[in-house]
Amino acid sequence: MSDYFFEAPTTYDEKASKNWKEETPALMENLIAVLEGIQDFNSATIETVVKDWLTANEIGMGKVMQPFRLSLVGALKGPHLFDIVELIGKEATIERIQKAIVNL
């Protein structure tokens, strides 16, 4: 249940993949740019910055948060998303999002 802390997902939950829409790759690319700009890469800061970006751009949480979790975990499960992001680090987070963009 916690393998995603140590290894990037190699498959993605089929039901959860339905949350990956036509506009999702562009949103994920924008999310990568947001994450790259965060200097203090801790859960609270990441959450604040990402949610502020969503609000400023009038993007619904579900359009980004579910695909974001799917990119990192391979499913829509696990502990607080931003805790996962902090634990696996910026580089791994971005790599997993890029992999999901290619594979989904």
Protein backbone atom coordinates (compact mmCIF):
# COMPACT_ATOMS: atom_id res chain seq x y z
CA MET A 1 0.00 0.00 0.00
CA SER A 2 2.98 2.36 0.28
CA ASP A 3 5.15 1.20 -2.62
CA TYR A 4 4.60 4.52 -4.43
CA PHE A 5 6.83 6.22 -1.85
CA PHE A 6 9.74 4.22 -3.21
CA GLU A 7 8.87 3.51 -6.85
CA ALA A 8 7.03 5.43 -9.53
CA PRO A 9 3.85 3.71 -10.67
CA THR A 10 4.23 1.39 -13.65
CA THR A 11 0.48 1.12 -14.20
CA TYR A 12 -2.46 3.40 -13.58
CA ASP A 13 -5.82 2.41 -12.09
CA GLU A 14 -8.18 2.01 -15.02
CA LYS A 15 -11.17 3.59 -13.26
CA ALA A 16 -9.06 6.50 -12.04
CA SER A 17 -7.66 7.02 -15.54
CA LYS A 18 -11.12 8.20 -16.59
CA ASN A 19 -10.26 11.42 -14.72
CA TRP A 20 -7.54 12.06 -17.33
CA LYS A 21 -9.29 14.32 -19.85
CA GLU A 22 -8.23 15.99 -23.09
CA GLU A 23 -7.10 19.15 -21.30
CA THR A 24 -5.25 17.28 -18.53
CA PRO A 25 -1.79 17.10 -20.19
CA ALA A 26 -1.70 20.90 -20.60
CA LEU A 27 -2.83 21.39 -16.99
CA MET A 28 -0.14 18.97 -15.79
CA GLU A 29 2.53 20.86 -17.78
CA ASN A 30 1.38 24.07 -16.08
CA LEU A 31 1.48 22.31 -12.71
CA ILE A 32 5.08 21.26 -13.38
CA ALA A 33 5.99 24.91 -13.98
CA VAL A 34 4.30 25.87 -10.69
CA LEU A 35 6.16 23.12 -8.79
CA GLU A 36 9.50 24.08 -10.34
CA GLY A 37 9.08 27.59 -8.96
CA ILE A 38 8.68 26.48 -5.34
CA GLN A 39 11.86 26.99 -3.34
CA ASP A 40 10.71 25.81 0.10
CA PHE A 41 9.48 22.38 -1.00
CA ASN A 42 7.42 21.28 2.01
CA SER A 43 3.85 20.02 2.17
CA ALA A 44 2.26 23.21 3.50
CA THR A 45 4.02 25.50 1.04
CA ILE A 46 3.35 23.23 -1.93
CA GLU A 47 -0.34 23.00 -1.01
CA THR A 48 -0.67 26.78 -0.63
CA VAL A 49 1.10 27.55 -3.90
CA VAL A 50 -0.82 24.94 -5.92
CA LYS A 51 -4.20 25.94 -4.48
CA ASP A 52 -3.44 29.64 -5.06
CA TRP A 53 -2.54 28.81 -8.68
CA LEU A 54 -5.82 26.90 -9.11
CA THR A 55 -7.83 29.78 -7.65
CA ALA A 56 -6.01 32.49 -9.62
CA ASN A 57 -6.61 30.60 -12.87
CA GLU A 58 -10.16 29.53 -11.97
CA ILE A 59 -9.30 25.85 -12.40
CA GLY A 60 -11.47 23.34 -10.55
CA MET A 61 -9.66 21.22 -7.96
CA GLY A 62 -10.85 17.95 -9.53
CA LYS A 63 -9.34 18.83 -12.90
CA VAL A 64 -5.86 18.88 -11.39
CA MET A 65 -5.81 17.12 -8.03
CA GLN A 66 -7.08 13.71 -9.15
CA PRO A 67 -4.75 13.53 -12.17
CA PHE A 68 -1.93 14.81 -9.94
CA ARG A 69 -2.50 11.98 -7.44
CA LEU A 70 -2.89 9.46 -10.27
CA SER A 71 0.49 10.60 -11.67
CA LEU A 72 2.24 10.09 -8.34
CA VAL A 73 0.52 7.00 -6.95
CA GLY A 74 -1.05 5.25 -9.94
CA ALA A 75 -4.44 5.33 -8.22
CA LEU A 76 -6.71 7.66 -6.27
CA LYS A 77 -5.59 6.45 -2.84
CA GLY A 78 -3.03 7.24 -0.21
CA PRO A 79 -2.28 9.85 2.43
CA HIS A 80 -2.47 13.61 1.99
CA LEU A 81 -1.29 14.36 -1.55
CA PHE A 82 1.06 17.16 -0.59
CA ASP A 83 2.72 14.98 2.06
CA ILE A 84 3.47 12.47 -0.70
CA VAL A 85 4.90 15.25 -2.86
CA GLU A 86 7.18 16.45 -0.06
CA LEU A 87 8.38 12.94 0.77
CA ILE A 88 9.24 11.90 -2.77
CA GLY A 89 10.73 15.31 -3.58
CA LYS A 90 10.48 17.83 -6.39
CA GLU A 91 12.51 15.91 -8.98
CA ALA A 92 10.61 12.63 -8.57
CA THR A 93 7.27 14.45 -8.50
CA ILE A 94 8.00 16.19 -11.80
CA GLU A 95 9.33 12.99 -13.38
CA ARG A 96 6.18 11.09 -12.39
CA ILE A 97 3.92 13.79 -13.82
CA GLN A 98 5.91 13.79 -17.07
CA LYS A 99 5.65 10.00 -17.25
CA ALA A 100 1.89 10.14 -16.73
CA ILE A 101 1.56 12.76 -19.49
CA VAL A 102 3.27 10.35 -21.89
CA ASN A 103 1.51 7.18 -20.72
CA LEU A 104 -2.03 8.41 -20.13
